[in-house]
Amino acid sequence: MMENFFMNFVWLQSFGTAFGVVQVLLSRKNNIHNYLFGIVSVIIGMWVLYQSKLYADILLHLYYLIMSIYGWMYWKFGNSQKETPITYSNFKEHFMAAGIVLACFSLMVYWLTNHTNSDVVVWDAAVSAFAWAGMWLMARRKMENWIYLNISNVIAIPLLFYKGLHIYAALSIFLFFVGTSGYFKWKKIVRQKNQEYYAQA
């Protein structure tokens, strides 16, 4: 019975989606506890993706797990033992994010082509590449994380429908809209913080 439960992708996708929804809503609110829900969602997702042969996405989820731990610590303590504020990326961070996309995409295409039986090499690699950069920016509480994550969502939606993972595809659509609103929500938070700073100056 337990084996049948874990092979039932509908149930697994539903549970993973539920935790993923809570995570992204907490992220939108700039709530540090989003990472706790994200970890559960990631672990469930890795099993489903393995069964669906989306190998680059499995590595992406493993990266999510690592970045969730790093992000929780960075949000909480930053570099000076105090909570890290939301900021815009500087030139170096933009350069690093673009480098993550290019490096991840190249490595994923090579690995998927030569070492797996993936039939969606470019799609799978592109989803991972932009999401890797987005998660790195999210962990550092950078505004641009929403842009990179939404590019990943746009590519992931048709891929997941193609693979028959309709619940995850629906989640990606939801994440796209939340990512868009999240960008403007964070922008408002930054503006309010700046107004408070100048009011106290």
Protein backbone atom coordinates (compact mmCIF):
# COMPACT_ATOMS: atom_id res chain seq x y z
CA MET A 1 0.00 0.00 0.00
CA MET A 2 2.83 2.39 0.89
CA GLU A 3 4.54 1.57 -2.40
CA ASN A 4 1.38 2.39 -4.33
CA PHE A 5 1.14 5.72 -2.51
CA PHE A 6 4.66 6.74 -3.51
CA MET A 7 4.03 5.69 -7.11
CA ASN A 8 0.84 7.76 -7.27
CA PHE A 9 2.17 10.89 -8.94
CA VAL A 10 -1.11 12.73 -8.55
CA TRP A 11 -0.97 12.53 -4.76
CA LEU A 12 2.72 13.31 -4.65
CA GLN A 13 2.36 16.28 -6.98
CA SER A 14 -0.54 17.52 -4.87
CA PHE A 15 1.45 17.39 -1.63
CA GLY A 16 4.52 18.90 -3.25
CA THR A 17 2.42 21.61 -4.84
CA ALA A 18 0.74 22.48 -1.54
CA PHE A 19 4.07 23.02 0.19
CA GLY A 20 5.41 24.86 -2.85
CA VAL A 21 2.43 27.24 -2.84
CA VAL A 22 2.95 28.05 0.83
CA GLN A 23 6.64 28.63 0.19
CA VAL A 24 6.17 31.09 -2.66
CA LEU A 25 3.43 32.99 -0.82
CA LEU A 26 5.72 33.36 2.19
CA SER A 27 8.55 34.43 -0.14
CA ARG A 28 6.28 37.08 -1.62
CA LYS A 29 5.65 38.37 1.91
CA ASN A 30 9.40 38.43 2.53
CA ASN A 31 8.93 35.78 5.27
CA ILE A 32 12.04 33.76 6.13
CA HIS A 33 9.99 30.64 6.97
CA ASN A 34 9.36 30.07 3.26
CA TYR A 35 12.50 27.94 3.21
CA LEU A 36 11.08 25.34 5.62
CA PHE A 37 8.13 24.62 3.33
CA GLY A 38 10.42 24.71 0.33
CA ILE A 39 12.57 21.87 1.65
CA VAL A 40 9.58 19.51 1.92
CA SER A 41 8.39 20.49 -1.55
CA VAL A 42 11.87 19.85 -2.99
CA ILE A 43 12.19 16.36 -1.52
CA ILE A 44 8.81 15.28 -2.89
CA GLY A 45 9.59 16.84 -6.26
CA MET A 46 12.87 14.96 -6.62
CA TRP A 47 11.10 11.60 -6.50
CA VAL A 48 8.46 12.60 -9.05
CA LEU A 49 11.03 14.07 -11.41
CA TYR A 50 13.22 10.96 -11.20
CA GLN A 51 10.31 8.80 -12.29
CA SER A 52 9.61 11.24 -15.15
CA LYS A 53 13.24 11.25 -16.36
CA LEU A 54 13.64 15.01 -15.86
CA TYR A 55 17.18 14.57 -14.63
CA ALA A 56 18.33 18.19 -14.86
CA ASP A 57 15.35 19.17 -12.74
CA ILE A 58 16.45 16.62 -10.12
CA LEU A 59 19.82 18.36 -9.87
CA LEU A 60 17.95 21.66 -9.79
CA HIS A 61 15.91 20.44 -6.82
CA LEU A 62 19.06 19.29 -5.05
CA TYR A 63 20.42 22.77 -5.64
CA TYR A 64 17.14 24.18 -4.25
CA LEU A 65 17.72 22.14 -1.11
CA ILE A 66 21.24 23.51 -0.65
CA MET A 67 20.18 27.07 -1.46
CA SER A 68 17.23 26.82 0.91
CA ILE A 69 19.62 26.13 3.78
CA TYR A 70 22.02 28.83 2.60
CA GLY A 71 19.17 31.29 1.99
CA TRP A 72 17.68 30.76 5.43
CA MET A 73 21.05 31.47 7.04
CA TYR A 74 21.79 34.46 4.80
CA TRP A 75 18.35 36.01 5.27
CA LYS A 76 18.64 35.60 9.02
CA PHE A 77 22.22 36.68 9.56
CA GLY A 78 23.63 38.12 6.33
CA ASN A 79 27.25 39.18 6.63
CA SER A 80 26.94 41.13 9.87
CA GLN A 81 24.83 38.97 12.17
CA LYS A 82 21.66 40.90 11.38
CA GLU A 83 18.79 40.32 8.99
CA THR A 84 19.64 40.98 5.34
CA PRO A 85 17.45 43.60 3.59
CA ILE A 86 16.01 43.36 0.09
CA THR A 87 18.32 45.06 -2.42
CA TYR A 88 18.85 45.39 -6.16
CA SER A 89 21.71 43.50 -7.75
CA ASN A 90 24.89 45.39 -8.55
CA PHE A 91 26.93 44.87 -11.74
CA LYS A 92 28.95 42.02 -10.24
CA GLU A 93 25.82 40.17 -9.14
CA HIS A 94 24.17 40.64 -12.54
CA PHE A 95 27.33 39.26 -14.15
CA MET A 96 27.39 36.28 -11.79
CA ALA A 97 23.70 35.51 -12.38
CA ALA A 98 24.21 35.54 -16.16
CA GLY A 99 27.28 33.36 -15.70
CA ILE A 100 25.27 30.85 -13.67
CA VAL A 101 22.69 30.65 -16.48
CA LEU A 102 25.29 30.08 -19.20
CA ALA A 103 27.40 27.64 -17.20
CA CYS A 104 24.45 25.62 -15.94
CA PHE A 105 22.83 25.45 -19.37
CA SER A 106 26.04 24.28 -21.05
CA LEU A 107 26.78 21.66 -18.41
CA MET A 108 23.20 20.36 -18.36
CA VAL A 109 23.04 20.05 -22.16
CA TYR A 110 26.31 18.11 -22.19
CA TRP A 111 25.31 15.83 -19.32
CA LEU A 112 21.77 15.18 -20.53
CA THR A 113 22.94 14.49 -24.07
CA ASN A 114 25.79 12.15 -23.21
CA HIS A 115 24.80 10.49 -19.94
CA THR A 116 20.99 10.23 -19.79
CA ASN A 117 18.05 9.09 -21.91
CA SER A 118 16.37 12.51 -21.73
CA ASP A 119 14.19 13.41 -24.69
CA VAL A 120 13.86 17.10 -23.74
CA VAL A 121 17.48 18.14 -23.35
CA VAL A 122 17.29 21.84 -24.24
CA TRP A 123 13.99 22.48 -22.40
CA ASP A 124 15.12 20.69 -19.26
CA ALA A 125 18.49 22.42 -19.26
CA ALA A 126 16.97 25.88 -19.80
CA VAL A 127 14.48 25.46 -16.93
CA SER A 128 17.31 24.53 -14.61
CA ALA A 129 19.71 27.24 -15.78
CA PHE A 130 17.40 30.19 -15.10
CA ALA A 131 16.09 28.65 -11.88
CA TRP A 132 19.63 28.13 -10.55
CA ALA A 133 20.38 31.82 -11.06
CA GLY A 134 17.01 32.83 -9.63
CA MET A 135 17.47 30.77 -6.49
CA TRP A 136 20.94 32.21 -5.93
CA LEU A 137 19.50 35.72 -6.19
CA MET A 138 16.58 34.76 -3.93
CA ALA A 139 18.98 33.43 -1.30
CA ARG A 140 20.78 36.78 -1.36
CA ARG A 141 17.44 38.62 -1.17
CA LYS A 142 17.88 40.34 -4.53
CA MET A 143 14.94 41.84 -6.41
CA GLU A 144 15.94 40.27 -9.71
CA ASN A 145 15.34 36.74 -8.42
CA TRP A 146 11.71 37.05 -9.51
CA ILE A 147 12.72 37.81 -13.10
CA TYR A 148 14.98 34.78 -13.45
CA LEU A 149 12.52 32.47 -11.72
CA ASN A 150 9.70 33.63 -13.97
CA ILE A 151 11.75 32.97 -17.11
CA SER A 152 12.26 29.45 -15.75
CA ASN A 153 8.51 29.12 -15.11
CA VAL A 154 7.63 30.21 -18.66
CA ILE A 155 9.87 27.49 -20.09
CA ALA A 156 8.75 24.87 -17.54
CA ILE A 157 5.00 25.19 -18.17
CA PRO A 158 4.88 23.60 -21.64
CA LEU A 159 7.57 21.08 -20.65
CA LEU A 160 5.59 19.82 -17.68
CA PHE A 161 2.38 19.57 -19.71
CA TYR A 162 4.31 17.61 -22.33
CA LYS A 163 5.54 15.20 -19.64
CA GLY A 164 2.01 14.75 -18.27
CA LEU A 165 2.81 16.44 -14.96
CA HIS A 166 -0.29 18.60 -15.11
CA ILE A 167 -0.40 19.53 -11.42
CA TYR A 168 3.20 20.74 -11.50
CA ALA A 169 2.43 22.61 -14.73
CA ALA A 170 -0.49 24.31 -13.00
CA LEU A 171 1.84 25.12 -10.09
CA SER A 172 4.29 26.73 -12.50
CA ILE A 173 1.50 28.89 -13.92
CA PHE A 174 0.58 29.90 -10.39
CA LEU A 175 4.22 30.59 -9.57
CA PHE A 176 4.50 32.83 -12.61
CA PHE A 177 1.68 35.06 -11.40
CA VAL A 178 2.95 35.05 -7.83
CA GLY A 179 6.45 35.82 -9.10
CA THR A 180 5.12 38.82 -10.99
CA SER A 181 3.22 40.12 -7.97
CA GLY A 182 6.18 39.23 -5.74
CA TYR A 183 8.45 41.51 -7.74
CA PHE A 184 6.12 44.47 -7.23
CA LYS A 185 5.55 43.53 -3.57
CA TRP A 186 9.29 43.53 -2.88
CA LYS A 187 9.65 46.77 -4.83
CA LYS A 188 7.07 48.35 -2.55
CA ILE A 189 8.90 47.06 0.53
CA VAL A 190 12.18 48.57 -0.70
CA ARG A 191 10.48 51.90 -1.40
CA GLN A 192 8.93 51.97 2.07
CA LYS A 193 12.27 51.13 3.70
CA ASN A 194 13.95 53.94 1.76
CA GLN A 195 11.24 56.40 2.77
CA GLU A 196 11.68 55.41 6.43
CA TYR A 197 15.45 55.81 6.14
CA TYR A 198 15.26 59.28 4.63
CA ALA A 199 12.56 60.32 7.11
CA GLN A 200 14.91 59.44 9.98
CA ALA A 201 17.94 61.07 8.36
